[in-house]
Amino acid sequence: MKMIRALVYLTLVLVSLYTLVPVAVWILLSFKSEAEFARNPAGLIFTPTLQNFVDAWKYMARPMLNSLIVAPTSAILASLFCSFVGYIFACYDFRFRRGMFALIAAGIGVPPQSYLIPLVVFAIMTHLYNTLHGLIIIFFIYSITGGVFYFTNYYYTNIPMELIEAAQVDGAGIFEIYRR
């Protein structure tokens, strides 16, 4: 039993080394200057420098800032919109509800690549191409079908209709019930 445990630990250590040593070498070599890297790429003895990180930051600062703006904004907008639409689909009965939800559910099966070109054409026509606003709108559109579907299923399974009916009897409107 101890022999098997020792073999398991030895295997785990070897797999860990196999995985972590290249990462450690990669991090170590990131401190090497371009001239030293061109002279001896595999050499582990060199004078460390932070110039590579300064150069990388020059190229990455703006894209990182764009990501910090676009990702949270589109996620928050999509979450608010999809949660409200999902709430309406799950908790209220209205004309064409089933048909509209079937279209949204079918939209999940449509590959995003199939409507990428129309979205780009839309962005160009509305002068939103190559802007943060356009990117936020495109990410928002991409998330609608899945978000509405998932929120509808969440509300349908977790909110009892009796609770909504009681709130309506107490005089609460759609937005007040949704907010609470």
N, C-alpha and C. Protein backbone atom coordinates (compact mmCIF):
# COMPACT_ATOMS: atom_id res chain seq x y z
N MET A 1 0.82 -1.19 0.00
CA MET A 1 0.00 0.00 0.00
C MET A 1 0.86 1.26 0.00
N LYS A 2 1.92 1.26 0.81
CA LYS A 2 2.82 2.41 0.85
C LYS A 2 3.55 2.57 -0.49
N MET A 3 3.84 1.46 -1.16
CA MET A 3 4.52 1.52 -2.45
C MET A 3 3.62 2.16 -3.50
N ILE A 4 2.33 1.82 -3.47
CA ILE A 4 1.39 2.40 -4.43
C ILE A 4 1.24 3.89 -4.18
N ARG A 5 1.13 4.25 -2.92
CA ARG A 5 1.01 5.67 -2.57
C ARG A 5 2.27 6.44 -3.00
N ALA A 6 3.44 5.85 -2.80
CA ALA A 6 4.69 6.49 -3.21
C ALA A 6 4.73 6.66 -4.73
N LEU A 7 4.26 5.66 -5.49
CA LEU A 7 4.21 5.77 -6.95
C LEU A 7 3.23 6.85 -7.41
N VAL A 8 2.11 6.95 -6.71
CA VAL A 8 1.13 7.98 -7.05
C VAL A 8 1.74 9.36 -6.82
N TYR A 9 2.38 9.56 -5.67
CA TYR A 9 3.00 10.85 -5.39
C TYR A 9 4.14 11.15 -6.36
N LEU A 10 4.94 10.14 -6.70
CA LEU A 10 6.02 10.34 -7.67
C LEU A 10 5.44 10.75 -9.02
N THR A 11 4.38 10.10 -9.44
CA THR A 11 3.74 10.45 -10.71
C THR A 11 3.19 11.88 -10.67
N LEU A 12 2.57 12.25 -9.56
CA LEU A 12 2.04 13.60 -9.43
C LEU A 12 3.15 14.65 -9.46
N VAL A 13 4.26 14.37 -8.80
CA VAL A 13 5.39 15.30 -8.80
C VAL A 13 5.96 15.43 -10.21
N LEU A 14 6.11 14.32 -10.93
CA LEU A 14 6.65 14.37 -12.29
C LEU A 14 5.73 15.12 -13.24
N VAL A 15 4.43 14.89 -13.13
CA VAL A 15 3.48 15.61 -13.98
C VAL A 15 3.49 17.09 -13.64
N SER A 16 3.58 17.42 -12.36
CA SER A 16 3.64 18.83 -11.95
C SER A 16 4.89 19.50 -12.50
N LEU A 17 6.03 18.83 -12.39
CA LEU A 17 7.26 19.39 -12.95
C LEU A 17 7.18 19.54 -14.45
N TYR A 18 6.60 18.54 -15.11
CA TYR A 18 6.44 18.59 -16.57
C TYR A 18 5.59 19.79 -16.97
N THR A 19 4.64 20.14 -16.14
CA THR A 19 3.75 21.26 -16.44
C THR A 19 4.35 22.60 -16.01
N LEU A 20 4.97 22.65 -14.84
CA LEU A 20 5.39 23.93 -14.27
C LEU A 20 6.76 24.40 -14.70
N VAL A 21 7.66 23.50 -15.05
CA VAL A 21 9.01 23.92 -15.45
C VAL A 21 8.97 24.80 -16.70
N PRO A 22 8.23 24.43 -17.76
CA PRO A 22 8.18 25.34 -18.92
C PRO A 22 7.60 26.71 -18.57
N VAL A 23 6.63 26.76 -17.70
CA VAL A 23 6.07 28.06 -17.30
C VAL A 23 7.11 28.86 -16.52
N ALA A 24 7.82 28.22 -15.64
CA ALA A 24 8.86 28.91 -14.88
C ALA A 24 9.96 29.43 -15.80
N VAL A 25 10.38 28.63 -16.78
CA VAL A 25 11.41 29.08 -17.74
C VAL A 25 10.88 30.24 -18.56
N TRP A 26 9.62 30.16 -18.96
CA TRP A 26 9.02 31.24 -19.75
C TRP A 26 9.00 32.54 -18.95
N ILE A 27 8.62 32.46 -17.68
CA ILE A 27 8.61 33.66 -16.84
C ILE A 27 10.03 34.18 -16.64
N LEU A 28 10.97 33.27 -16.41
CA LEU A 28 12.37 33.68 -16.21
C LEU A 28 12.93 34.36 -17.46
N LEU A 29 12.65 33.79 -18.63
CA LEU A 29 13.18 34.36 -19.87
C LEU A 29 12.48 35.65 -20.26
N SER A 30 11.35 35.96 -19.66
CA SER A 30 10.69 37.22 -19.97
C SER A 30 11.48 38.41 -19.42
N PHE A 31 12.40 38.14 -18.50
CA PHE A 31 13.26 39.20 -17.96
C PHE A 31 14.55 39.35 -18.74
N LYS A 32 14.70 38.64 -19.84
CA LYS A 32 15.92 38.67 -20.64
C LYS A 32 15.77 39.74 -21.73
N SER A 33 16.84 40.49 -22.00
CA SER A 33 16.78 41.52 -23.04
C SER A 33 16.75 40.87 -24.42
N GLU A 34 16.31 41.64 -25.40
CA GLU A 34 16.23 41.10 -26.77
C GLU A 34 17.59 40.69 -27.29
N ALA A 35 18.60 41.48 -27.00
CA ALA A 35 19.95 41.17 -27.49
C ALA A 35 20.47 39.87 -26.87
N GLU A 36 20.28 39.71 -25.56
CA GLU A 36 20.72 38.48 -24.90
C GLU A 36 19.92 37.28 -25.39
N PHE A 37 18.65 37.48 -25.66
CA PHE A 37 17.82 36.38 -26.16
C PHE A 37 18.24 35.98 -27.56
N ALA A 38 18.60 36.96 -28.41
CA ALA A 38 19.05 36.65 -29.77
C ALA A 38 20.39 35.94 -29.74
N ARG A 39 21.25 36.30 -28.80
CA ARG A 39 22.57 35.69 -28.69
C ARG A 39 22.48 34.25 -28.16
N ASN A 40 21.68 34.03 -27.12
CA ASN A 40 21.59 32.71 -26.50
C ASN A 40 20.16 32.51 -25.96
N PRO A 41 19.22 32.01 -26.80
CA PRO A 41 17.82 31.92 -26.37
C PRO A 41 17.60 31.02 -25.16
N ALA A 42 18.35 29.95 -25.04
CA ALA A 42 18.12 29.00 -23.96
C ALA A 42 18.96 29.29 -22.72
N GLY A 43 19.82 30.26 -22.78
CA GLY A 43 20.69 30.56 -21.64
C GLY A 43 19.92 31.08 -20.45
N LEU A 44 20.22 30.52 -19.29
CA LEU A 44 19.52 30.93 -18.08
C LEU A 44 20.33 31.91 -17.23
N ILE A 45 21.53 32.25 -17.68
CA ILE A 45 22.35 33.22 -16.96
C ILE A 45 22.37 34.49 -17.78
N PHE A 46 21.80 35.56 -17.22
CA PHE A 46 21.69 36.82 -17.95
C PHE A 46 21.43 37.94 -16.95
N THR A 47 21.50 39.16 -17.43
CA THR A 47 21.19 40.33 -16.60
C THR A 47 19.70 40.63 -16.75
N PRO A 48 18.91 40.51 -15.68
CA PRO A 48 17.47 40.73 -15.81
C PRO A 48 17.13 42.19 -16.11
N THR A 49 16.06 42.38 -16.88
CA THR A 49 15.60 43.71 -17.23
C THR A 49 14.07 43.72 -17.25
N LEU A 50 13.51 44.86 -16.96
CA LEU A 50 12.06 45.03 -17.01
C LEU A 50 11.61 45.72 -18.30
N GLN A 51 12.54 45.96 -19.22
CA GLN A 51 12.22 46.68 -20.44
C GLN A 51 11.17 45.95 -21.28
N ASN A 52 11.19 44.62 -21.27
CA ASN A 52 10.19 43.86 -22.02
C ASN A 52 8.78 44.18 -21.52
N PHE A 53 8.62 44.32 -20.22
CA PHE A 53 7.31 44.62 -19.65
C PHE A 53 6.89 46.05 -19.97
N VAL A 54 7.85 46.97 -19.99
CA VAL A 54 7.56 48.36 -20.36
C VAL A 54 7.11 48.41 -21.82
N ASP A 55 7.82 47.70 -22.69
CA ASP A 55 7.45 47.67 -24.11
C ASP A 55 6.08 47.02 -24.32
N ALA A 56 5.83 45.94 -23.61
CA ALA A 56 4.54 45.26 -23.76
C ALA A 56 3.41 46.15 -23.26
N TRP A 57 3.65 46.88 -22.18
CA TRP A 57 2.61 47.75 -21.64
C TRP A 57 2.24 48.85 -22.63
N LYS A 58 3.22 49.33 -23.42
CA LYS A 58 2.93 50.36 -24.42
C LYS A 58 1.88 49.87 -25.41
N TYR A 59 1.95 48.59 -25.78
CA TYR A 59 1.02 48.04 -26.76
C TYR A 59 -0.26 47.50 -26.12
N MET A 60 -0.22 47.15 -24.86
CA MET A 60 -1.36 46.49 -24.23
C MET A 60 -2.21 47.41 -23.37
N ALA A 61 -1.76 48.60 -23.06
CA ALA A 61 -2.50 49.47 -22.14
C ALA A 61 -3.88 49.82 -22.69
N ARG A 62 -3.94 50.27 -23.93
CA ARG A 62 -5.23 50.67 -24.50
C ARG A 62 -6.18 49.48 -24.68
N PRO A 63 -5.72 48.34 -25.25
CA PRO A 63 -6.64 47.20 -25.34
C PRO A 63 -7.14 46.72 -23.98
N MET A 64 -6.29 46.76 -22.96
CA MET A 64 -6.74 46.34 -21.63
C MET A 64 -7.78 47.31 -21.07
N LEU A 65 -7.57 48.59 -21.29
CA LEU A 65 -8.55 49.58 -20.85
C LEU A 65 -9.87 49.37 -21.58
N ASN A 66 -9.80 49.12 -22.89
CA ASN A 66 -11.01 48.85 -23.66
C ASN A 66 -11.75 47.64 -23.10
N SER A 67 -11.02 46.59 -22.76
CA SER A 67 -11.66 45.41 -22.20
C SER A 67 -12.29 45.70 -20.84
N LEU A 68 -11.63 46.54 -20.05
CA LEU A 68 -12.18 46.90 -18.74
C LEU A 68 -13.43 47.77 -18.87
N ILE A 69 -13.61 48.42 -20.00
CA ILE A 69 -14.81 49.21 -20.24
C ILE A 69 -15.91 48.35 -20.87
N VAL A 70 -15.56 47.59 -21.91
CA VAL A 70 -16.55 46.87 -22.71
C VAL A 70 -17.13 45.68 -21.95
N ALA A 71 -16.31 44.86 -21.34
CA ALA A 71 -16.79 43.62 -20.71
C ALA A 71 -17.79 43.88 -19.59
N PRO A 72 -17.46 44.71 -18.59
CA PRO A 72 -18.46 44.92 -17.53
C PRO A 72 -19.71 45.63 -18.02
N THR A 73 -19.55 46.60 -18.91
CA THR A 73 -20.71 47.34 -19.39
C THR A 73 -21.67 46.43 -20.14
N SER A 74 -21.16 45.66 -21.07
CA SER A 74 -22.04 44.77 -21.83
C SER A 74 -22.63 43.68 -20.94
N ALA A 75 -21.87 43.19 -19.98
CA ALA A 75 -22.38 42.15 -19.08
C ALA A 75 -23.50 42.70 -18.19
N ILE A 76 -23.32 43.90 -17.67
CA ILE A 76 -24.35 44.49 -16.80
C ILE A 76 -25.61 44.80 -17.61
N LEU A 77 -25.44 45.40 -18.78
CA LEU A 77 -26.62 45.70 -19.61
C LEU A 77 -27.36 44.43 -20.00
N ALA A 78 -26.62 43.41 -20.42
CA ALA A 78 -27.25 42.16 -20.83
C ALA A 78 -27.93 41.48 -19.65
N SER A 79 -27.31 41.52 -18.49
CA SER A 79 -27.93 40.89 -17.32
C SER A 79 -29.22 41.59 -16.93
N LEU A 80 -29.22 42.91 -16.92
CA LEU A 80 -30.44 43.65 -16.57
C LEU A 80 -31.55 43.39 -17.59
N PHE A 81 -31.21 43.50 -18.86
CA PHE A 81 -32.22 43.31 -19.91
C PHE A 81 -32.75 41.88 -19.91
N CYS A 82 -31.84 40.91 -19.92
CA CYS A 82 -32.26 39.50 -20.01
C CYS A 82 -33.01 39.06 -18.77
N SER A 83 -32.62 39.57 -17.60
CA SER A 83 -33.35 39.16 -16.40
C SER A 83 -34.77 39.72 -16.42
N PHE A 84 -34.95 40.95 -16.90
CA PHE A 84 -36.30 41.49 -16.95
C PHE A 84 -37.15 40.78 -17.99
N VAL A 85 -36.60 40.53 -19.16
CA VAL A 85 -37.36 39.83 -20.20
C VAL A 85 -37.66 38.40 -19.75
N GLY A 86 -36.71 37.73 -19.13
CA GLY A 86 -36.94 36.39 -18.62
C GLY A 86 -38.01 36.38 -17.55
N TYR A 87 -38.02 37.41 -16.71
CA TYR A 87 -39.05 37.54 -15.68
C TYR A 87 -40.43 37.68 -16.32
N ILE A 88 -40.53 38.50 -17.36
CA ILE A 88 -41.81 38.69 -18.04
C ILE A 88 -42.27 37.38 -18.68
N PHE A 89 -41.36 36.69 -19.36
CA PHE A 89 -41.73 35.42 -20.00
C PHE A 89 -42.18 34.38 -18.98
N ALA A 90 -41.53 34.34 -17.85
CA ALA A 90 -41.82 33.29 -16.87
C ALA A 90 -43.05 33.58 -16.03
N CYS A 91 -43.29 34.82 -15.73
CA CYS A 91 -44.31 35.14 -14.73
C CYS A 91 -45.60 35.73 -15.28
N TYR A 92 -45.65 36.09 -16.54
CA TYR A 92 -46.85 36.71 -17.08
C TYR A 92 -47.28 35.98 -18.34
N ASP A 93 -48.58 35.88 -18.50
CA ASP A 93 -49.15 35.24 -19.68
C ASP A 93 -49.64 36.33 -20.63
N PHE A 94 -49.14 36.33 -21.84
CA PHE A 94 -49.55 37.31 -22.83
C PHE A 94 -49.59 36.64 -24.19
N ARG A 95 -50.19 37.33 -25.13
CA ARG A 95 -50.37 36.79 -26.47
C ARG A 95 -49.00 36.55 -27.13
N PHE A 96 -48.86 35.45 -27.81
CA PHE A 96 -47.65 35.04 -28.54
C PHE A 96 -46.45 34.76 -27.64
N ARG A 97 -46.70 34.57 -26.35
CA ARG A 97 -45.59 34.31 -25.43
C ARG A 97 -44.84 33.05 -25.81
N ARG A 98 -45.55 31.97 -26.05
CA ARG A 98 -44.91 30.70 -26.37
C ARG A 98 -44.14 30.79 -27.69
N GLY A 99 -44.71 31.44 -28.67
CA GLY A 99 -44.04 31.58 -29.96
C GLY A 99 -42.77 32.41 -29.86
N MET A 100 -42.86 33.52 -29.11
CA MET A 100 -41.68 34.36 -28.94
C MET A 100 -40.59 33.62 -28.17
N PHE A 101 -40.99 32.88 -27.13
CA PHE A 101 -39.99 32.13 -26.37
C PHE A 101 -39.39 31.01 -27.21
N ALA A 102 -40.20 30.41 -28.08
CA ALA A 102 -39.67 29.37 -28.97
C ALA A 102 -38.64 29.96 -29.93
N LEU A 103 -38.88 31.17 -30.42
CA LEU A 103 -37.90 31.82 -31.28
C LEU A 103 -36.60 32.11 -30.53
N ILE A 104 -36.74 32.56 -29.29
CA ILE A 104 -35.53 32.82 -28.49
C ILE A 104 -34.79 31.52 -28.22
N ALA A 105 -35.52 30.47 -27.88
CA ALA A 105 -34.88 29.18 -27.62
C ALA A 105 -34.22 28.65 -28.89
N ALA A 106 -34.85 28.85 -30.03
CA ALA A 106 -34.25 28.41 -31.29
C ALA A 106 -33.00 29.23 -31.62
N GLY A 107 -32.99 30.49 -31.16
CA GLY A 107 -31.83 31.34 -31.41
C GLY A 107 -30.57 30.84 -30.73
N ILE A 108 -30.74 30.05 -29.68
CA ILE A 108 -29.56 29.49 -29.01
C ILE A 108 -28.82 28.55 -29.95
N GLY A 109 -29.58 27.85 -30.80
CA GLY A 109 -28.96 26.89 -31.71
C GLY A 109 -28.32 27.51 -32.94
N VAL A 110 -28.54 28.79 -33.16
CA VAL A 110 -27.96 29.47 -34.33
C VAL A 110 -26.51 29.84 -34.00
N PRO A 111 -25.57 29.40 -34.82
CA PRO A 111 -24.17 29.76 -34.54
C PRO A 111 -23.95 31.26 -34.67
N PRO A 112 -23.23 31.84 -33.74
CA PRO A 112 -23.01 33.29 -33.79
C PRO A 112 -22.31 33.76 -35.07
N GLN A 113 -21.55 32.88 -35.70
CA GLN A 113 -20.87 33.27 -36.92
C GLN A 113 -21.85 33.59 -38.04
N SER A 114 -23.06 33.02 -37.96
CA SER A 114 -24.03 33.23 -39.03
C SER A 114 -24.62 34.64 -38.99
N TYR A 115 -24.63 35.28 -37.85
CA TYR A 115 -25.13 36.66 -37.83
C TYR A 115 -24.03 37.67 -37.51
N LEU A 116 -22.79 37.26 -37.64
CA LEU A 116 -21.69 38.19 -37.42
C LEU A 116 -21.60 39.22 -38.55
N ILE A 117 -21.73 38.75 -39.78
CA ILE A 117 -21.63 39.68 -40.93
C ILE A 117 -22.75 40.71 -40.90
N PRO A 118 -24.02 40.31 -40.67
CA PRO A 118 -25.05 41.35 -40.56
C PRO A 118 -24.79 42.34 -39.42
N LEU A 119 -24.23 41.87 -38.31
CA LEU A 119 -23.92 42.78 -37.22
C LEU A 119 -22.83 43.77 -37.61
N VAL A 120 -21.83 43.30 -38.33
CA VAL A 120 -20.75 44.20 -38.77
C VAL A 120 -21.30 45.21 -39.78
N VAL A 121 -22.15 44.74 -40.70
CA VAL A 121 -22.77 45.66 -41.66
C VAL A 121 -23.61 46.71 -40.93
N PHE A 122 -24.36 46.26 -39.92
CA PHE A 122 -25.15 47.19 -39.09
C PHE A 122 -24.23 48.21 -38.42
N ALA A 123 -23.11 47.74 -37.86
CA ALA A 123 -22.18 48.64 -37.18
C ALA A 123 -21.59 49.66 -38.15
N ILE A 124 -21.29 49.23 -39.36
CA ILE A 124 -20.72 50.15 -40.36
C ILE A 124 -21.78 51.18 -40.77
N MET A 125 -23.01 50.72 -41.01
CA MET A 125 -24.07 51.63 -41.46
C MET A 125 -24.44 52.66 -40.40
N THR A 126 -24.34 52.29 -39.15
CA THR A 126 -24.69 53.21 -38.06
C THR A 126 -23.47 53.95 -37.51
N HIS A 127 -22.34 53.82 -38.17
CA HIS A 127 -21.09 54.49 -37.78
C HIS A 127 -20.63 54.08 -36.39
N LEU A 128 -20.96 52.85 -35.99
CA LEU A 128 -20.50 52.32 -34.71
C LEU A 128 -19.32 51.37 -34.87
N TYR A 129 -18.90 51.15 -36.11
CA TYR A 129 -17.78 50.25 -36.37
C TYR A 129 -16.51 50.86 -35.78
N ASN A 130 -15.73 50.03 -35.10
CA ASN A 130 -14.46 50.44 -34.51
C ASN A 130 -14.65 51.45 -33.37
N THR A 131 -15.78 51.32 -32.66
CA THR A 131 -16.01 52.15 -31.47
C THR A 131 -16.35 51.23 -30.30
N LEU A 132 -16.15 51.74 -29.12
CA LEU A 132 -16.50 50.96 -27.93
C LEU A 132 -18.01 50.77 -27.82
N HIS A 133 -18.78 51.78 -28.21
CA HIS A 133 -20.24 51.66 -28.17
C HIS A 133 -20.70 50.51 -29.08
N GLY A 134 -20.13 50.44 -30.27
CA GLY A 134 -20.50 49.37 -31.20
C GLY A 134 -20.15 48.00 -30.65
N LEU A 135 -19.00 47.89 -30.02
CA LEU A 135 -18.59 46.61 -29.45
C LEU A 135 -19.49 46.20 -28.29
N ILE A 136 -19.88 47.16 -27.47
CA ILE A 136 -20.79 46.87 -26.37
C ILE A 136 -22.13 46.39 -26.91
N ILE A 137 -22.63 47.04 -27.96
CA ILE A 137 -23.91 46.64 -28.55
C ILE A 137 -23.81 45.24 -29.14
N ILE A 138 -22.72 44.93 -29.83
CA ILE A 138 -22.57 43.61 -30.43
C ILE A 138 -22.48 42.53 -29.36
N PHE A 139 -21.73 42.76 -28.30
CA PHE A 139 -21.67 41.78 -27.20
C PHE A 139 -23.04 41.62 -26.54
N PHE A 140 -23.75 42.73 -26.41
CA PHE A 140 -25.10 42.69 -25.84
C PHE A 140 -26.02 41.83 -26.71
N ILE A 141 -25.98 42.02 -28.00
CA ILE A 141 -26.83 41.25 -28.92
C ILE A 141 -26.46 39.78 -28.87
N TYR A 142 -25.18 39.47 -28.80
CA TYR A 142 -24.75 38.07 -28.72
C TYR A 142 -25.31 37.37 -27.48
N SER A 143 -25.50 38.09 -26.41
CA SER A 143 -25.89 37.44 -25.15
C SER A 143 -27.39 37.37 -24.93
N ILE A 144 -28.18 37.98 -25.79
CA ILE A 144 -29.62 38.06 -25.54
C ILE A 144 -30.27 36.69 -25.52
N THR A 145 -30.06 35.86 -26.53
CA THR A 145 -30.81 34.60 -26.61
C THR A 145 -30.53 33.69 -25.41
N GLY A 146 -29.28 33.47 -25.13
CA GLY A 146 -28.95 32.61 -24.00
C GLY A 146 -29.38 33.20 -22.68
N GLY A 147 -29.18 34.50 -22.51
CA GLY A 147 -29.53 35.14 -21.25
C GLY A 147 -31.02 35.09 -20.97
N VAL A 148 -31.83 35.41 -21.97
CA VAL A 148 -33.28 35.37 -21.77
C VAL A 148 -33.73 33.95 -21.48
N PHE A 149 -33.18 32.99 -22.20
CA PHE A 149 -33.56 31.59 -21.99
C PHE A 149 -33.24 31.15 -20.57
N TYR A 150 -32.03 31.42 -20.12
CA TYR A 150 -31.62 30.97 -18.78
C TYR A 150 -32.39 31.69 -17.67
N PHE A 151 -32.58 33.00 -17.81
CA PHE A 151 -33.33 33.73 -16.79
C PHE A 151 -34.78 33.29 -16.74
N THR A 152 -35.38 33.02 -17.90
CA THR A 152 -36.76 32.54 -17.93
C THR A 152 -36.87 31.23 -17.18
N ASN A 153 -35.97 30.31 -17.45
CA ASN A 153 -36.00 29.03 -16.74
C ASN A 153 -35.76 29.21 -15.24
N TYR A 154 -34.89 30.12 -14.88
CA TYR A 154 -34.63 30.38 -13.46
C TYR A 154 -35.88 30.89 -12.77
N TYR A 155 -36.50 31.92 -13.33
CA TYR A 155 -37.69 32.49 -12.71
C TYR A 155 -38.85 31.50 -12.71
N TYR A 156 -38.98 30.74 -13.78
CA TYR A 156 -40.09 29.80 -13.90
C TYR A 156 -40.01 28.72 -12.83
N THR A 157 -38.79 28.28 -12.52
CA THR A 157 -38.63 27.20 -11.54
C THR A 157 -38.50 27.70 -10.11
N ASN A 158 -38.15 28.97 -9.89
CA ASN A 158 -37.85 29.43 -8.54
C ASN A 158 -38.83 30.44 -7.95
N ILE A 159 -39.70 31.02 -8.76
CA ILE A 159 -40.64 32.00 -8.22
C ILE A 159 -42.04 31.42 -8.30
N PRO A 160 -42.67 31.19 -7.16
CA PRO A 160 -44.05 30.67 -7.19
C PRO A 160 -45.01 31.75 -7.71
N MET A 161 -45.96 31.33 -8.54
CA MET A 161 -46.93 32.27 -9.09
C MET A 161 -47.80 32.89 -7.99
N GLU A 162 -47.98 32.16 -6.90
CA GLU A 162 -48.78 32.69 -5.80
C GLU A 162 -48.15 33.95 -5.22
N LEU A 163 -46.83 33.99 -5.21
CA LEU A 163 -46.12 35.16 -4.69
C LEU A 163 -46.38 36.37 -5.58
N ILE A 164 -46.36 36.18 -6.87
CA ILE A 164 -46.62 37.28 -7.81
C ILE A 164 -48.07 37.72 -7.70
N GLU A 165 -48.98 36.77 -7.60
CA GLU A 165 -50.40 37.11 -7.48
C GLU A 165 -50.66 37.88 -6.18
N ALA A 166 -50.00 37.49 -5.10
CA ALA A 166 -50.16 38.21 -3.84
C ALA A 166 -49.64 39.64 -3.94
N ALA A 167 -48.53 39.83 -4.64
CA ALA A 167 -47.99 41.18 -4.83
C ALA A 167 -48.93 42.02 -5.68
N GLN A 168 -49.54 41.40 -6.70
CA GLN A 168 -50.49 42.14 -7.53
C GLN A 168 -51.73 42.54 -6.73
N VAL A 169 -52.18 41.65 -5.86
CA VAL A 169 -53.33 41.97 -5.02
C VAL A 169 -52.99 43.14 -4.10
N ASP A 170 -51.74 43.19 -3.63
CA ASP A 170 -51.30 44.29 -2.77
C ASP A 170 -51.08 45.59 -3.54
N GLY A 171 -51.24 45.55 -4.87
CA GLY A 171 -51.14 46.76 -5.67
C GLY A 171 -49.79 47.00 -6.31
N ALA A 172 -48.90 46.04 -6.27
CA ALA A 172 -47.58 46.22 -6.88
C ALA A 172 -47.67 46.05 -8.39
N GLY A 173 -46.94 46.86 -9.12
CA GLY A 173 -46.90 46.76 -10.57
C GLY A 173 -45.80 45.81 -11.02
N ILE A 174 -45.67 45.67 -12.32
CA ILE A 174 -44.68 44.74 -12.90
C ILE A 174 -43.27 45.09 -12.45
N PHE A 175 -42.91 46.36 -12.55
CA PHE A 175 -41.54 46.76 -12.21
C PHE A 175 -41.26 46.63 -10.71
N GLU A 176 -42.26 46.93 -9.90
CA GLU A 176 -42.05 46.81 -8.45
C GLU A 176 -41.89 45.35 -8.03
N ILE A 177 -42.69 44.47 -8.62
CA ILE A 177 -42.55 43.04 -8.32
C ILE A 177 -41.19 42.53 -8.79
N TYR A 178 -40.79 42.94 -9.97
CA TYR A 178 -39.49 42.52 -10.51
C TYR A 178 -38.34 43.02 -9.61
N ARG A 179 -38.44 44.26 -9.20
CA ARG A 179 -37.37 44.85 -8.39
C ARG A 179 -37.23 44.18 -7.04
N ARG A 180 -38.33 43.71 -6.47
CA ARG A 180 -38.26 43.10 -5.15
C ARG A 180 -38.10 41.63 -5.26
